[in-house]
Amino acid sequence: MLRTLLLLFYLYLLEGIPYGLQSRFLPLLLRSSGLSLTALGFYKLLYVPWLLKSFYAPLVDLCLTKRYWLFGSLVGLLSVTLTLALGENLIPRETSSQTTGSTSVVPLALCLFLYNLFAATQDIAVDGVALQLLSSDQLSVGNTIQVVGYKFGAIVGGGFLTAATSLFSASQLLGIIACIYVIGAILCITSTTLRDVEAAWSENQTTICVRENGQLDDEQVSRMKDDGCTESVRQASYVATLSEAVINSVGSRHLIALLLIYKLGEQGAMNMLPLMLFDRGASVSKIGLWSGMVGQLSSIVGSTFAHKLQAPGRCRNVVHEPHIVCERGYYNGNVHHNDAVHTSRITCTNPSHSLHRFKHCGTAWQVDIWRHCGTFHGLPWIRNC
């Protein structure tokens, strides 16, 4: 258990480094080199891979294994970090028009876009590994490890790098980050825990069967019946499923509105505060110490003890499924681990396999029978059998 938590902590730490580097270190470095606040604002558009993560996450879940995706994303992050460290003209170092021209801004923007793409892919893979490693009663501890590890990574990538600018050059600091990524890539190759996850994924690899309101042609229905499905099925719309899970689930709209109000204000204030302090005459290293390290450590303390303030009990949802069929270890993806299922409606030909859980499952979707290939990141990737 301890080894698993330490592994997840380090993986989430690696995941938080790009955030700290882009939200704390690079903005101050570029601002000190003469880049305008408007130009720095446009760099936020390079976070778009995180917005699109839900749409390509099913590909990460279904193709290859989590260990391969982790290794590939870390190698990508390592490559971009080394490019930034070794590139002479990628990061402006002097306040002049030559260093802030298109010859330096465009390559830097491309590097940061790839940086976010690899980091978002790593996030999908790490979450998938966490769901496979942790049991239901370990999810609270796992969530704490996720938040604390991510924020420690933000401290390393943001506060530490910024505070150390008075001692090391930007290239040397990025070289330190590259060494951390090298350790993560080696860990992906040598970790027996990740190898066990990979082996379990390979053994349980199946195909999704979904029965929903609608019909397929006779040949497809016959093929699905031969493959273990006992009802007529059709391919479900991924867009409709996304809408049902994110927008139409109970409480989602209020939660989305709350998060927009909170996160827009919090991110706007916290991103502009270091730049304002720099423009008022504060040194980069001092800003990194107080904003990137002390501030993040305070956030970690709050995240660590926040679960103790929650109510000890939690109301469970009741899922009214027309019929759930579990055969040869297949499971129903609509059922969240916190949902109560009427056992009289469940038919299991192999009772040794329990219903599994997803990371993000709102209310029950209008889909009855599921068989699935690997693990999903929140939403299912529906395929014909």
Protein backbone atom coordinates (compact mmCIF):
# COMPACT_ATOMS: atom_id res chain seq x y z
CA MET A 1 0.00 0.00 0.00
CA LEU A 2 2.75 2.46 0.94
CA ARG A 3 4.68 1.66 -2.23
CA THR A 4 1.55 2.26 -4.31
CA LEU A 5 0.87 5.63 -2.67
CA LEU A 6 4.47 6.73 -3.09
CA LEU A 7 4.34 5.77 -6.76
CA LEU A 8 1.14 7.74 -7.29
CA PHE A 9 2.58 10.68 -5.36
CA TYR A 10 5.62 10.86 -7.63
CA LEU A 11 3.52 10.49 -10.78
CA TYR A 12 1.22 13.32 -9.69
CA LEU A 13 4.27 15.38 -8.73
CA LEU A 14 5.54 14.99 -12.30
CA GLU A 15 2.11 16.04 -13.50
CA GLY A 16 2.17 19.27 -11.47
CA ILE A 17 5.57 20.45 -12.71
CA PRO A 18 4.29 21.77 -16.09
CA TYR A 19 1.59 23.78 -14.32
CA GLY A 20 4.05 25.43 -11.93
CA LEU A 21 6.53 26.08 -14.72
CA GLN A 22 3.93 27.78 -16.94
CA SER A 23 1.99 29.64 -14.25
CA ARG A 24 4.85 30.85 -12.04
CA PHE A 25 8.30 30.48 -13.58
CA LEU A 26 7.95 31.33 -17.27
CA PRO A 27 5.60 34.35 -16.89
CA LEU A 28 8.04 36.09 -14.53
CA LEU A 29 11.01 35.11 -16.69
CA LEU A 30 9.35 36.45 -19.83
CA ARG A 31 8.08 39.56 -18.05
CA SER A 32 11.57 40.33 -16.79
CA SER A 33 12.75 40.03 -20.40
CA GLY A 34 10.32 42.73 -21.54
CA LEU A 35 7.32 40.71 -22.77
CA SER A 36 4.04 42.60 -22.45
CA LEU A 37 1.12 41.47 -20.29
CA THR A 38 -0.97 41.11 -23.44
CA ALA A 39 1.52 38.66 -24.96
CA LEU A 40 1.66 36.72 -21.71
CA GLY A 41 -2.14 36.50 -21.74
CA PHE A 42 -2.13 34.98 -25.21
CA TYR A 43 0.19 32.24 -24.00
CA LYS A 44 -2.73 30.94 -21.91
CA LEU A 45 -4.35 29.80 -25.16
CA LEU A 46 -1.73 27.08 -25.28
CA TYR A 47 -3.62 25.28 -22.49
CA VAL A 48 -6.14 24.09 -25.10
CA PRO A 49 -5.03 20.42 -24.88
CA TRP A 50 -6.44 20.35 -21.37
CA LEU A 51 -9.81 21.55 -22.69
CA LEU A 52 -9.83 18.81 -25.32
CA LYS A 53 -8.66 16.08 -22.94
CA SER A 54 -12.13 14.57 -22.49
CA PHE A 55 -12.45 14.00 -26.23
CA TYR A 56 -9.22 12.10 -26.80
CA ALA A 57 -9.04 10.42 -23.38
CA PRO A 58 -10.90 7.32 -24.67
CA LEU A 59 -8.09 6.74 -27.17
CA VAL A 60 -5.60 6.67 -24.31
CA ASP A 61 -7.83 4.22 -22.44
CA LEU A 62 -8.30 1.82 -25.35
CA CYS A 63 -5.00 1.97 -27.21
CA LEU A 64 -1.86 0.43 -25.73
CA THR A 65 -1.47 0.34 -21.93
CA LYS A 66 -1.20 3.00 -19.26
CA ARG A 67 2.49 2.23 -18.75
CA TYR A 68 3.24 2.92 -22.43
CA TRP A 69 1.28 6.18 -22.34
CA LEU A 70 3.06 7.24 -19.16
CA PHE A 71 6.45 6.48 -20.62
CA GLY A 72 5.66 8.22 -23.91
CA SER A 73 4.29 11.35 -22.25
CA LEU A 74 7.28 11.59 -19.90
CA VAL A 75 9.70 11.19 -22.80
CA GLY A 76 7.79 13.96 -24.58
CA LEU A 77 7.96 16.23 -21.54
CA LEU A 78 11.66 15.45 -21.20
CA SER A 79 12.27 16.31 -24.87
CA VAL A 80 10.47 19.65 -24.63
CA THR A 81 12.29 20.53 -21.38
CA LEU A 82 15.65 19.77 -22.92
CA THR A 83 14.72 21.83 -25.98
CA LEU A 84 13.88 24.79 -23.76
CA ALA A 85 17.07 24.31 -21.75
CA LEU A 86 19.39 24.01 -24.73
CA GLY A 87 17.66 26.42 -27.11
CA GLU A 88 19.50 29.72 -27.16
CA ASN A 89 16.68 31.83 -28.60
CA LEU A 90 13.56 30.08 -27.30
CA ILE A 91 13.36 31.98 -24.00
CA PRO A 92 14.11 35.73 -24.20
CA ARG A 93 16.84 36.79 -21.80
CA GLU A 94 17.28 40.45 -22.61
CA THR A 95 14.89 43.34 -22.99
CA SER A 96 15.14 44.11 -26.67
CA SER A 97 12.96 43.89 -29.72
CA GLN A 98 15.13 41.18 -31.20
CA THR A 99 14.53 38.78 -28.35
CA THR A 100 10.75 39.23 -28.34
CA GLY A 101 10.20 38.97 -32.06
CA SER A 102 8.49 36.22 -33.99
CA THR A 103 11.71 34.23 -34.28
CA SER A 104 11.58 33.50 -30.52
CA VAL A 105 7.87 33.66 -29.70
CA VAL A 106 6.68 31.07 -32.25
CA PRO A 107 9.12 28.27 -31.28
CA LEU A 108 8.42 28.91 -27.61
CA ALA A 109 4.66 28.76 -28.24
CA LEU A 110 5.08 25.46 -30.11
CA CYS A 111 7.13 24.01 -27.25
CA LEU A 112 4.56 25.06 -24.66
CA PHE A 113 1.70 23.61 -26.74
CA LEU A 114 3.49 20.25 -26.92
CA TYR A 115 4.30 20.57 -23.22
CA ASN A 116 0.60 20.87 -22.41
CA LEU A 117 -0.34 18.06 -24.79
CA PHE A 118 2.09 15.63 -23.16
CA ALA A 119 1.09 16.77 -19.65
CA ALA A 120 -2.64 16.31 -20.36
CA THR A 121 -1.96 12.83 -21.78
CA GLN A 122 0.05 11.96 -18.70
CA ASP A 123 -2.87 13.11 -16.53
CA ILE A 124 -5.20 10.67 -18.30
CA ALA A 125 -2.79 7.79 -17.89
CA VAL A 126 -2.02 8.51 -14.23
CA ASP A 127 -5.71 8.72 -13.33
CA GLY A 128 -6.29 5.39 -15.06
CA VAL A 129 -3.44 3.79 -13.12
CA ALA A 130 -4.80 5.20 -9.84
CA LEU A 131 -8.25 3.73 -10.47
CA GLN A 132 -6.75 0.32 -11.12
CA LEU A 133 -4.47 0.40 -8.08
CA LEU A 134 -6.84 1.80 -5.44
CA SER A 135 -9.83 0.06 -3.92
CA SER A 136 -13.04 1.90 -3.08
CA ASP A 137 -12.07 2.50 0.55
CA GLN A 138 -8.71 3.92 -0.58
CA LEU A 139 -10.14 6.59 -2.88
CA SER A 140 -10.14 9.29 -0.19
CA VAL A 141 -6.45 8.75 0.52
CA GLY A 142 -5.76 8.52 -3.21
CA ASN A 143 -7.52 11.83 -3.82
CA THR A 144 -5.39 13.47 -1.13
CA ILE A 145 -2.25 12.01 -2.70
CA GLN A 146 -3.40 13.35 -6.07
CA VAL A 147 -3.92 16.92 -4.87
CA VAL A 148 -0.87 17.08 -2.59
CA GLY A 149 1.43 15.47 -5.17
CA TYR A 150 0.21 17.79 -7.92
CA LYS A 151 0.75 20.88 -5.77
CA PHE A 152 4.20 19.72 -4.71
CA GLY A 153 4.96 19.42 -8.41
CA ALA A 154 3.69 22.97 -8.89
CA ILE A 155 6.06 24.09 -6.13
CA VAL A 156 8.99 22.35 -7.83
CA GLY A 157 8.14 23.68 -11.28
CA GLY A 158 7.11 27.13 -10.13
CA GLY A 159 8.22 28.28 -6.71
CA PHE A 160 11.54 26.44 -6.58
CA LEU A 161 12.62 27.45 -10.09
CA THR A 162 11.58 31.05 -9.57
CA ALA A 163 13.22 31.36 -6.16
CA ALA A 164 16.45 29.83 -7.51
CA THR A 165 16.82 32.27 -10.42
CA SER A 166 19.31 34.29 -8.39
CA LEU A 167 21.57 31.23 -8.08
CA PHE A 168 21.18 29.40 -11.40
CA SER A 169 20.46 30.29 -15.00
CA ALA A 170 17.21 29.31 -16.68
CA SER A 171 18.97 26.60 -18.68
CA GLN A 172 20.42 25.05 -15.52
CA LEU A 173 17.05 25.09 -13.78
CA LEU A 174 15.33 23.44 -16.73
CA GLY A 175 18.12 20.87 -16.75
CA ILE A 176 17.17 19.97 -13.15
CA ILE A 177 13.56 19.46 -14.25
CA ALA A 178 14.78 17.25 -17.10
CA CYS A 179 16.60 15.03 -14.59
CA ILE A 180 13.35 14.62 -12.62
CA TYR A 181 11.60 13.49 -15.80
CA VAL A 182 14.41 11.02 -16.49
CA ILE A 183 13.77 9.43 -13.09
CA GLY A 184 10.06 9.20 -13.91
CA ALA A 185 10.74 7.53 -17.28
CA ILE A 186 13.07 5.00 -15.62
CA LEU A 187 10.39 4.34 -13.02
CA CYS A 188 7.87 3.53 -15.77
CA ILE A 189 10.24 0.88 -17.14
CA THR A 190 11.32 -0.71 -13.87
CA SER A 191 8.23 -0.42 -11.62
CA THR A 192 6.71 -3.82 -10.86
CA THR A 193 3.48 -2.12 -9.81
CA LEU A 194 3.01 -0.59 -13.25
CA ARG A 195 3.88 -3.93 -14.84
CA ASP A 196 1.15 -5.60 -12.76
CA VAL A 197 -1.35 -2.96 -13.90
CA GLU A 198 -0.33 -3.57 -17.49
CA ALA A 199 -0.73 -7.34 -17.10
CA ALA A 200 -4.17 -6.95 -15.52
CA TRP A 201 -5.27 -4.67 -18.36
CA SER A 202 -4.14 -7.17 -20.98
CA GLU A 203 -5.97 -10.05 -19.31
CA ASN A 204 -9.26 -8.18 -18.94
CA GLN A 205 -9.27 -6.62 -22.40
CA THR A 206 -12.71 -7.03 -23.94
CA THR A 207 -15.07 -5.19 -26.25
CA ILE A 208 -17.90 -2.90 -25.32
CA CYS A 209 -21.43 -4.03 -25.91
CA VAL A 210 -24.15 -1.50 -25.34
CA ARG A 211 -27.87 -2.05 -25.46
CA GLU A 212 -29.85 1.11 -25.86
CA ASN A 213 -33.21 2.05 -27.32
CA GLY A 214 -32.88 1.25 -31.00
CA GLN A 215 -32.12 -1.58 -33.41
CA LEU A 216 -29.24 -2.87 -35.48
CA ASP A 217 -29.48 -5.06 -38.52
CA ASP A 218 -29.91 -8.80 -38.07
CA GLU A 219 -26.29 -9.62 -38.78
CA GLN A 220 -24.99 -7.23 -36.12
CA VAL A 221 -27.55 -8.43 -33.58
CA SER A 222 -26.59 -12.05 -34.26
CA ARG A 223 -22.91 -11.27 -33.89
CA MET A 224 -23.52 -9.53 -30.57
CA LYS A 225 -25.61 -12.42 -29.26
CA ASP A 226 -22.84 -14.84 -30.17
CA ASP A 227 -20.41 -12.61 -28.29
CA GLY A 228 -22.42 -12.67 -25.06
CA CYS A 229 -24.99 -9.90 -25.49
CA THR A 230 -28.57 -11.04 -25.09
CA GLU A 231 -30.35 -7.91 -26.30
CA SER A 232 -30.52 -5.88 -29.48
CA VAL A 233 -27.89 -3.17 -29.44
CA ARG A 234 -26.68 -0.18 -31.34
CA GLN A 235 -23.68 2.13 -31.14
CA ALA A 236 -24.30 4.92 -28.66
CA SER A 237 -23.41 8.51 -29.50
CA TYR A 238 -20.31 9.66 -27.65
CA VAL A 239 -21.52 13.27 -27.82
CA ALA A 240 -24.87 12.28 -26.32
CA THR A 241 -23.13 10.32 -23.58
CA LEU A 242 -20.84 13.27 -22.82
CA SER A 243 -23.83 15.59 -22.60
CA GLU A 244 -25.70 13.18 -20.34
CA ALA A 245 -22.77 12.70 -17.96
CA VAL A 246 -21.56 16.31 -17.76
CA ILE A 247 -24.63 18.49 -18.28
CA ASN A 248 -27.71 16.44 -17.43
CA SER A 249 -26.45 14.61 -14.36
CA VAL A 250 -27.81 15.73 -11.00
CA GLY A 251 -26.04 18.80 -9.64
CA SER A 252 -23.66 19.18 -12.59
CA ARG A 253 -25.01 22.51 -13.79
CA HIS A 254 -24.76 24.12 -10.36
CA LEU A 255 -21.28 22.67 -9.88
CA ILE A 256 -20.12 23.95 -13.28
CA ALA A 257 -21.42 27.44 -12.48
CA LEU A 258 -19.71 27.38 -9.07
CA LEU A 259 -16.41 26.22 -10.55
CA LEU A 260 -16.52 28.86 -13.28
CA ILE A 261 -17.11 31.64 -10.78
CA TYR A 262 -14.50 30.35 -8.35
CA LYS A 263 -11.76 29.23 -10.74
CA LEU A 264 -12.00 32.21 -13.10
CA GLY A 265 -11.56 34.60 -10.20
CA GLU A 266 -8.93 32.51 -8.42
CA GLN A 267 -6.83 31.85 -11.52
CA GLY A 268 -7.07 35.44 -12.71
CA ALA A 269 -5.98 36.84 -9.35
CA MET A 270 -3.20 34.32 -8.68
CA ASN A 271 -1.73 34.60 -12.18
CA MET A 272 -1.69 38.39 -12.18
CA LEU A 273 -0.46 38.87 -8.61
CA PRO A 274 3.19 37.79 -9.23
CA LEU A 275 3.39 39.98 -12.34
CA MET A 276 1.95 42.95 -10.46
CA LEU A 277 4.47 42.46 -7.64
CA PHE A 278 7.30 42.32 -10.19
CA ASP A 279 6.12 45.54 -11.84
CA ARG A 280 6.04 47.15 -8.38
CA GLY A 281 9.72 46.36 -7.88
CA ALA A 282 9.80 42.98 -6.10
CA SER A 283 12.58 40.61 -7.14
CA VAL A 284 11.83 37.42 -9.07
CA SER A 285 13.38 35.19 -6.40
CA LYS A 286 11.38 36.79 -3.60
CA ILE A 287 8.13 36.44 -5.56
CA GLY A 288 8.96 32.80 -6.20
CA LEU A 289 9.55 32.19 -2.51
CA TRP A 290 6.32 33.74 -1.23
CA SER A 291 3.92 33.13 -4.10
CA GLY A 292 5.27 29.88 -5.52
CA MET A 293 6.40 28.12 -2.34
CA VAL A 294 4.80 29.56 0.80
CA GLY A 295 1.47 30.10 -0.95
CA GLN A 296 1.41 26.59 -2.44
CA LEU A 297 2.46 25.02 0.86
CA SER A 298 -0.51 26.73 2.53
CA SER A 299 -2.74 25.29 -0.18
CA ILE A 300 -1.29 21.82 0.43
CA VAL A 301 -2.04 22.07 4.15
CA GLY A 302 -5.65 22.94 3.34
CA SER A 303 -5.98 20.13 0.81
CA THR A 304 -4.47 17.57 3.19
CA PHE A 305 -6.93 18.25 6.00
CA ALA A 306 -9.98 19.20 3.92
CA HIS A 307 -11.37 15.66 3.89
CA LYS A 308 -11.58 15.74 7.70
CA LEU A 309 -14.03 18.62 7.47
CA GLN A 310 -16.41 16.69 5.24
CA ALA A 311 -19.46 14.95 6.65
CA PRO A 312 -18.71 11.38 7.71
CA GLY A 313 -21.66 9.99 5.77
CA ARG A 314 -22.59 10.40 2.14
CA CYS A 315 -25.95 10.01 0.51
CA ARG A 316 -25.94 7.27 -2.07
CA ASN A 317 -27.70 7.40 -5.40
CA VAL A 318 -30.00 4.61 -6.43
CA VAL A 319 -29.51 3.45 -10.00
CA HIS A 320 -32.65 2.14 -11.64
CA GLU A 321 -31.28 -0.07 -14.39
CA PRO A 322 -33.74 -2.11 -16.47
CA HIS A 323 -31.35 -5.03 -16.37
CA ILE A 324 -27.64 -5.47 -15.76
CA VAL A 325 -25.87 -8.48 -17.17
CA CYS A 326 -22.38 -9.39 -15.93
CA GLU A 327 -20.77 -12.21 -17.86
CA ARG A 328 -17.16 -13.47 -17.72
CA GLY A 329 -16.04 -10.45 -15.73
CA TYR A 330 -17.77 -7.83 -17.88
CA TYR A 331 -19.23 -4.98 -15.92
CA ASN A 332 -21.75 -2.22 -16.14
CA GLY A 333 -20.09 1.13 -16.74
CA ASN A 334 -23.14 3.11 -15.69
CA VAL A 335 -22.77 2.12 -12.07
CA HIS A 336 -20.67 4.35 -9.87
CA HIS A 337 -18.99 2.83 -6.83
CA ASN A 338 -21.11 5.09 -4.61
CA ASP A 339 -24.38 4.06 -6.23
CA ALA A 340 -26.74 1.45 -4.81
CA VAL A 341 -27.96 -1.14 -7.29
CA HIS A 342 -31.04 -3.29 -6.89
CA THR A 343 -29.51 -6.77 -6.67
CA SER A 344 -32.68 -8.38 -7.99
CA ARG A 345 -31.99 -6.75 -11.32
CA ILE A 346 -28.46 -8.09 -11.67
CA THR A 347 -27.67 -11.34 -13.44
CA CYS A 348 -24.10 -12.58 -13.06
CA THR A 349 -22.83 -15.72 -14.72
CA ASN A 350 -19.52 -15.23 -12.94
CA PRO A 351 -20.25 -13.89 -9.43
CA SER A 352 -16.55 -13.68 -8.58
CA HIS A 353 -16.29 -10.48 -10.64
CA SER A 354 -17.75 -7.38 -9.01
CA LEU A 355 -19.01 -4.24 -10.61
CA HIS A 356 -16.19 -1.81 -11.26
CA ARG A 357 -16.23 1.92 -11.02
CA PHE A 358 -15.42 4.94 -13.15
CA LYS A 359 -13.71 8.14 -12.15
CA HIS A 360 -16.54 10.37 -13.39
CA CYS A 361 -20.04 8.87 -13.49
CA GLY A 362 -22.98 11.08 -12.83
CA THR A 363 -26.49 9.76 -13.07
CA ALA A 364 -27.27 6.55 -14.89
CA TRP A 365 -27.08 6.87 -18.64
CA GLN A 366 -29.70 5.19 -20.79
CA VAL A 367 -27.43 2.28 -21.52
CA ASP A 368 -27.98 -1.11 -19.99
CA ILE A 369 -25.36 -3.67 -20.96
CA TRP A 370 -21.68 -2.86 -21.01
CA ARG A 371 -18.59 -4.85 -21.73
CA HIS A 372 -15.43 -2.88 -21.86
CA CYS A 373 -11.89 -2.89 -23.22
CA GLY A 374 -9.43 -1.74 -20.59
CA THR A 375 -10.29 1.13 -18.27
CA PHE A 376 -11.96 4.39 -19.16
CA HIS A 377 -11.15 7.93 -18.15
CA GLY A 378 -14.53 9.16 -17.07
CA LEU A 379 -16.47 8.57 -20.27
CA PRO A 380 -16.90 5.47 -22.41
CA TRP A 381 -15.63 4.98 -25.93
CA ILE A 382 -18.44 3.07 -27.58
CA ARG A 383 -17.57 0.56 -30.28
CA ASN A 384 -19.52 -2.01 -32.21
CA CYS A 385 -18.84 -5.59 -31.14
